[in-house]
């Protein structure tokens, strides 16, 4: 049994009584208790939940609020598996949460972290990120208090996974970015520039406006020239080839932002390579 501590706003939306009696045994899991808050993002409201012992956070759809208690366990299982918790340990942890019960009041440090996560989710969701991408973003968070590191690594340590896996992935990603930067710089001055999109963005889903801005920021720099700001201007090729190998999905917010970025830079032609049909259909508007 685990207690889910609702913020005042969430408690009001749930129509919880002003006082709740919490069972003394409602802490019988590695990740509980939890603090939950409501996030008013678009297109749908979300709930962010933070594990008090680990500060690991996840998000789930708010509606329907009447079933939030029942949906918490399945959402927890899905997110534990996503960060690499062994399936048997993930299911055992979810079972240890049952039945969940509502509670009021929060640890100040946990509430501070909840507010930070909620703010990040609000911005990223309004920018176009889907729920799976939001949860990946939350899993990648780094904290300083109560311990320095990634909460996802702490969850893996507690639940029998590989806590070093998160750091290994980050190091591998850093190495990939360095190699890809060299690849992009080698194309400075060329009429046709090819971008390996998945390697550049580190994501299989193209959904948010900021992803399009980041992608265009990877255009090679013309280091033979220096602007008044001290920076080298970007090289704008005649044709930009987007290599979409490994990309699984694309959304309208990303497509619209990419079109705007391309027009602002003066790109004459964008060509899609190795794009799944549904991804190509979504991005055709930028051609």
Protein backbone atom coordinates (compact mmCIF):
# COMPACT_ATOMS: atom_id res chain seq x y z
CA UNK A 1 0.00 0.00 0.00
CA UNK A 2 1.32 3.44 -0.97
CA UNK A 3 0.08 6.99 -0.36
CA UNK A 4 -0.35 9.40 -3.26
CA UNK A 5 -0.06 12.93 -1.87
CA UNK A 6 -2.13 15.33 -3.97
CA UNK A 7 -1.45 19.04 -4.23
CA UNK A 8 -4.28 21.37 -3.20
CA UNK A 9 -5.24 21.98 -6.82
CA UNK A 10 -5.32 18.26 -7.64
CA UNK A 11 -7.15 17.45 -4.42
CA UNK A 12 -9.80 20.05 -5.30
CA UNK A 13 -10.17 18.61 -8.80
CA UNK A 14 -10.52 15.12 -7.30
CA UNK A 15 -13.03 16.48 -4.77
CA UNK A 16 -11.10 14.92 -1.89
CA UNK A 17 -12.24 15.69 1.68
CA UNK A 18 -10.37 18.35 3.62
CA UNK A 19 -8.95 15.68 5.95
CA UNK A 20 -7.77 12.22 5.02
CA UNK A 21 -6.77 9.39 7.31
CA UNK A 22 -3.68 7.64 5.94
CA UNK A 23 -3.01 4.04 6.82
CA UNK A 24 0.23 3.74 8.80
CA UNK A 25 1.33 0.91 6.49
CA UNK A 26 1.01 3.05 3.36
CA UNK A 27 4.74 3.16 2.66
CA UNK A 28 5.44 -0.46 1.84
CA UNK A 29 7.28 0.07 -1.45
CA UNK A 30 10.70 1.18 -2.60
CA UNK A 31 9.43 4.21 -4.53
CA UNK A 32 6.55 5.41 -2.36
CA UNK A 33 5.14 7.66 -1.10
CA UNK A 34 4.49 9.90 -4.10
CA UNK A 35 3.60 13.56 -4.61
CA UNK A 36 1.22 14.35 -7.48
CA UNK A 37 0.33 17.65 -9.14
CA UNK A 38 -1.91 18.78 -11.98
CA UNK A 39 -0.38 20.42 -15.09
CA UNK A 40 -2.62 22.59 -17.31
CA UNK A 41 -0.91 21.94 -20.64
CA UNK A 42 -2.24 21.55 -24.17
CA UNK A 43 -3.88 19.64 -25.74
CA UNK A 44 -4.76 17.68 -22.58
CA UNK A 45 -4.07 18.13 -18.88
CA UNK A 46 -1.43 15.90 -17.30
CA UNK A 47 -0.51 14.75 -13.82
CA UNK A 48 3.12 14.66 -12.73
CA UNK A 49 4.10 12.21 -9.99
CA UNK A 50 7.37 12.34 -8.03
CA UNK A 51 8.73 9.47 -5.95
CA UNK A 52 9.71 10.87 -2.55
CA UNK A 53 12.66 8.50 -1.87
CA UNK A 54 14.26 8.75 -5.33
CA UNK A 55 12.88 12.01 -6.84
CA UNK A 56 12.18 10.07 -10.05
CA UNK A 57 9.23 11.59 -11.91
CA UNK A 58 6.70 10.42 -14.46
CA UNK A 59 3.66 11.92 -16.16
CA UNK A 60 0.28 10.47 -17.04
CA UNK A 61 -2.95 11.79 -18.49
CA UNK A 62 -5.16 13.53 -15.94
CA UNK A 63 -8.50 12.56 -17.48
CA UNK A 64 -10.55 10.84 -16.39
CA UNK A 65 -9.63 11.90 -12.85
CA UNK A 66 -12.08 9.36 -11.41
CA UNK A 67 -9.78 6.54 -12.58
CA UNK A 68 -6.44 8.16 -11.72
CA UNK A 69 -5.85 5.77 -8.79
CA UNK A 70 -6.52 2.74 -10.98
CA UNK A 71 -4.36 4.04 -13.85
CA UNK A 72 -1.38 4.88 -11.64
CA UNK A 73 -0.12 1.27 -11.38
CA UNK A 74 -0.16 0.49 -15.14
CA UNK A 75 1.51 3.84 -15.90
CA UNK A 76 4.18 3.11 -13.29
CA UNK A 77 4.87 -0.32 -14.78
CA UNK A 78 5.20 1.10 -18.28
CA UNK A 79 7.69 3.76 -17.18
CA UNK A 80 9.75 1.40 -15.03
CA UNK A 81 10.17 -0.95 -17.98
CA UNK A 82 11.08 2.01 -20.21
CA UNK A 83 14.09 2.97 -18.05
CA UNK A 84 15.34 -0.61 -17.87
CA UNK A 85 13.99 -2.07 -14.61
CA UNK A 86 13.81 -5.90 -14.92
CA UNK A 87 10.19 -6.94 -15.66
CA UNK A 88 9.81 -9.13 -12.57
CA UNK A 89 11.11 -6.40 -10.27
CA UNK A 90 8.95 -3.79 -11.97
CA UNK A 91 5.79 -5.88 -11.52
CA UNK A 92 6.69 -6.63 -7.89
CA UNK A 93 7.11 -2.92 -7.20
CA UNK A 94 3.76 -2.11 -8.78
CA UNK A 95 2.11 -4.87 -6.74
CA UNK A 96 3.67 -3.41 -3.58
CA UNK A 97 1.90 -0.12 -4.35
CA UNK A 98 -1.55 -1.68 -4.25
CA UNK A 99 -3.94 -0.50 -3.11
CA UNK A 100 -2.92 3.14 -3.47
CA UNK A 101 -4.65 5.74 -1.31
CA UNK A 102 -4.92 9.51 -1.43
CA UNK A 103 -3.18 11.72 1.10
CA UNK A 104 -2.58 15.43 1.66
CA UNK A 105 0.56 17.33 2.60
CA UNK A 106 4.05 17.10 1.11
CA UNK A 107 7.69 17.03 2.09
CA UNK A 108 9.01 20.48 1.18
CA UNK A 109 11.93 19.14 -0.86
CA UNK A 110 9.70 16.75 -2.80
CA UNK A 111 7.18 19.52 -3.48
CA UNK A 112 9.95 21.76 -4.81
CA UNK A 113 11.06 19.02 -7.18
CA UNK A 114 7.45 18.38 -8.22
CA UNK A 115 7.00 22.04 -9.11
CA UNK A 116 10.21 21.99 -11.18
CA UNK A 117 9.11 18.89 -13.06
CA UNK A 118 5.63 20.31 -13.60
CA UNK A 119 7.11 23.49 -15.09
CA UNK A 120 9.31 21.48 -17.43
CA UNK A 121 6.38 19.29 -18.51
CA UNK A 122 4.18 22.34 -19.08
CA UNK A 123 6.74 23.92 -21.43
CA UNK A 124 7.65 20.71 -23.27
CA UNK A 125 4.04 19.53 -23.72
CA UNK A 126 2.95 22.93 -25.05
CA UNK A 127 5.93 22.79 -27.41
CA UNK A 128 4.60 19.55 -28.91
CA UNK A 129 6.18 16.61 -27.05
CA UNK A 130 4.00 13.51 -26.62
CA UNK A 131 3.53 11.67 -23.34
CA UNK A 132 6.23 9.01 -24.06
CA UNK A 133 8.71 11.75 -24.98
CA UNK A 134 7.81 13.75 -21.87
CA UNK A 135 8.50 10.73 -19.69
CA UNK A 136 11.82 10.17 -21.43
CA UNK A 137 12.66 13.82 -20.76
CA UNK A 138 11.77 13.39 -17.07
CA UNK A 139 13.86 10.21 -16.87
CA UNK A 140 16.89 12.12 -18.19
CA UNK A 141 16.70 14.81 -15.51
CA UNK A 142 19.75 15.44 -13.34
CA UNK A 143 19.34 16.65 -9.75
CA UNK A 144 21.66 17.97 -7.04
CA UNK A 145 19.54 17.41 -3.91
CA UNK A 146 19.07 15.21 -1.94
CA UNK A 147 21.81 13.45 -3.97
CA UNK A 148 23.63 14.45 -7.13
CA UNK A 149 22.83 12.34 -10.15
CA UNK A 150 19.91 11.06 -12.18
CA UNK A 151 16.84 9.81 -10.28
CA UNK A 152 16.41 7.11 -12.93
CA UNK A 153 19.78 5.65 -11.91
CA UNK A 154 18.63 5.59 -8.28
CA UNK A 155 15.46 3.72 -9.27
CA UNK A 156 17.56 1.14 -11.13
CA UNK A 157 19.84 0.76 -8.13
CA UNK A 158 16.93 0.25 -5.76
CA UNK A 159 15.02 -2.13 -8.00
CA UNK A 160 17.86 -4.33 -9.18
CA UNK A 161 18.57 -2.84 -12.59
CA UNK A 162 21.85 -1.47 -13.92
CA UNK A 163 22.28 1.99 -12.35
CA UNK A 164 25.32 2.77 -14.53
CA UNK A 165 23.34 2.24 -17.73
CA UNK A 166 21.96 5.79 -17.73
CA UNK A 167 25.44 7.30 -17.49
CA UNK A 168 26.78 4.93 -20.15
CA UNK A 169 24.02 5.99 -22.51
CA UNK A 170 24.80 9.66 -21.85
CA UNK A 171 28.51 9.10 -22.52
CA UNK A 172 27.71 7.20 -25.72
CA UNK A 173 25.38 9.98 -26.80
CA UNK A 174 28.10 12.56 -26.16
CA UNK A 175 30.55 10.59 -28.29
CA UNK A 176 27.95 10.28 -31.06
CA UNK A 177 27.37 14.03 -30.99
CA UNK A 178 31.11 14.74 -31.29
CA UNK A 179 31.41 12.39 -34.25
CA UNK A 180 28.31 13.87 -35.89
CA UNK A 181 29.58 17.42 -35.38
CA UNK A 182 32.74 16.47 -37.26
CA UNK A 183 30.58 14.92 -40.00
CA UNK A 184 28.52 18.10 -40.34
CA UNK A 185 31.59 20.38 -40.36
CA UNK A 186 33.13 18.30 -43.13
CA UNK A 187 30.21 19.39 -45.34
CA UNK A 188 30.91 23.13 -45.04
CA UNK A 189 30.83 24.73 -48.48
CA UNK A 190 29.05 21.85 -50.18
CA UNK A 191 25.97 22.48 -52.32
CA UNK A 192 24.20 19.48 -50.81
CA UNK A 193 24.36 18.84 -47.04
CA UNK A 194 23.03 15.64 -45.44
CA UNK A 195 21.76 15.57 -41.86
CA UNK A 196 21.43 12.25 -39.95
CA UNK A 197 18.41 13.46 -37.98
CA UNK A 198 18.12 10.70 -35.39
CA UNK A 199 21.81 10.99 -34.48
CA UNK A 200 21.61 14.77 -34.24
CA UNK A 201 18.51 14.92 -32.05
CA UNK A 202 18.94 11.67 -30.08
CA UNK A 203 15.25 10.90 -30.52
CA UNK A 204 13.11 8.65 -32.71
CA UNK A 205 10.18 11.07 -32.54
CA UNK A 206 10.05 14.49 -34.23
CA UNK A 207 7.32 16.33 -32.36
CA UNK A 208 8.33 19.66 -30.83
CA UNK A 209 9.18 23.09 -32.16
CA UNK A 210 12.45 23.25 -30.23
CA UNK A 211 13.62 20.06 -31.98
CA UNK A 212 13.39 21.83 -35.34
CA UNK A 213 15.38 24.77 -33.97
CA UNK A 214 18.05 22.44 -32.60
CA UNK A 215 18.22 20.54 -35.89
CA UNK A 216 18.84 23.69 -37.94
CA UNK A 217 21.47 24.69 -35.40
CA UNK A 218 23.46 21.64 -36.54
CA UNK A 219 24.07 23.14 -39.99
CA UNK A 220 27.86 23.34 -40.52
CA UNK A 221 29.61 26.52 -39.44
CA UNK A 222 31.65 28.50 -41.96
CA UNK A 223 34.72 28.92 -39.74
CA UNK A 224 36.52 30.93 -42.44
CA UNK A 225 34.23 33.84 -41.59
CA UNK A 226 33.58 35.57 -38.27
CA UNK A 227 30.58 37.76 -37.45
CA UNK A 228 30.72 40.87 -35.26
CA UNK A 229 29.45 38.71 -32.40
CA UNK A 230 32.57 36.55 -32.70
CA UNK A 231 30.59 33.54 -33.96
CA UNK A 232 30.98 31.83 -37.31
CA UNK A 233 27.91 32.01 -39.56
CA UNK A 234 26.07 28.87 -40.56
CA UNK A 235 26.56 27.43 -44.03
CA UNK A 236 23.29 27.42 -45.98
CA UNK A 237 23.45 24.80 -48.77
CA UNK A 238 21.42 24.75 -51.97
CA UNK A 239 19.82 21.46 -50.88
CA UNK A 240 19.42 19.98 -47.41
CA UNK A 241 18.91 16.21 -47.25
CA UNK A 242 17.23 14.97 -44.07
CA UNK A 243 18.25 11.35 -43.48
CA UNK A 244 15.30 10.02 -41.45
CA UNK A 245 16.58 6.49 -40.85
CA UNK A 246 15.48 5.42 -37.36
CA UNK A 247 12.74 8.06 -37.10
CA UNK A 248 9.44 6.51 -36.03
CA UNK A 249 7.05 9.46 -35.87
CA UNK A 250 6.70 13.13 -36.73
CA UNK A 251 4.18 15.71 -35.57
CA UNK A 252 2.65 18.90 -37.01
CA UNK A 253 4.37 21.21 -34.51
CA UNK A 254 7.79 19.98 -35.61
CA UNK A 255 6.86 20.14 -39.30
CA UNK A 256 5.58 23.72 -39.04
CA UNK A 257 8.63 24.87 -37.07
CA UNK A 258 10.99 23.21 -39.54
CA UNK A 259 9.24 24.97 -42.42
CA UNK A 260 9.60 28.32 -40.63
CA UNK A 261 13.28 27.70 -39.88
CA UNK A 262 13.96 26.72 -43.49
CA UNK A 263 12.27 29.86 -44.83
CA UNK A 264 14.14 32.07 -42.38
CA UNK A 265 17.48 30.57 -43.44
CA UNK A 266 16.69 30.79 -47.13
CA UNK A 267 16.95 27.06 -47.81
CA UNK A 268 15.86 26.40 -51.37
CA UNK A 269 15.20 22.68 -51.17
CA UNK A 270 14.72 20.02 -48.48
CA UNK A 271 14.81 16.36 -49.50
CA UNK A 272 13.65 13.47 -47.31
CA UNK A 273 15.63 10.23 -47.33
CA UNK A 274 14.69 6.85 -45.79
CA UNK A 275 11.48 8.26 -44.33
CA UNK A 276 8.66 5.89 -43.29
CA UNK A 277 5.47 6.67 -45.19
CA UNK A 278 3.64 8.19 -42.21
CA UNK A 279 6.64 10.36 -41.31
CA UNK A 280 6.99 11.52 -44.91
CA UNK A 281 3.28 12.36 -45.06
CA UNK A 282 3.62 14.57 -41.99
CA UNK A 283 6.70 16.34 -43.29
CA UNK A 284 5.65 16.79 -46.93
CA UNK A 285 4.44 20.29 -46.14
CA UNK A 286 8.04 21.46 -45.73
CA UNK A 287 9.12 20.34 -49.20
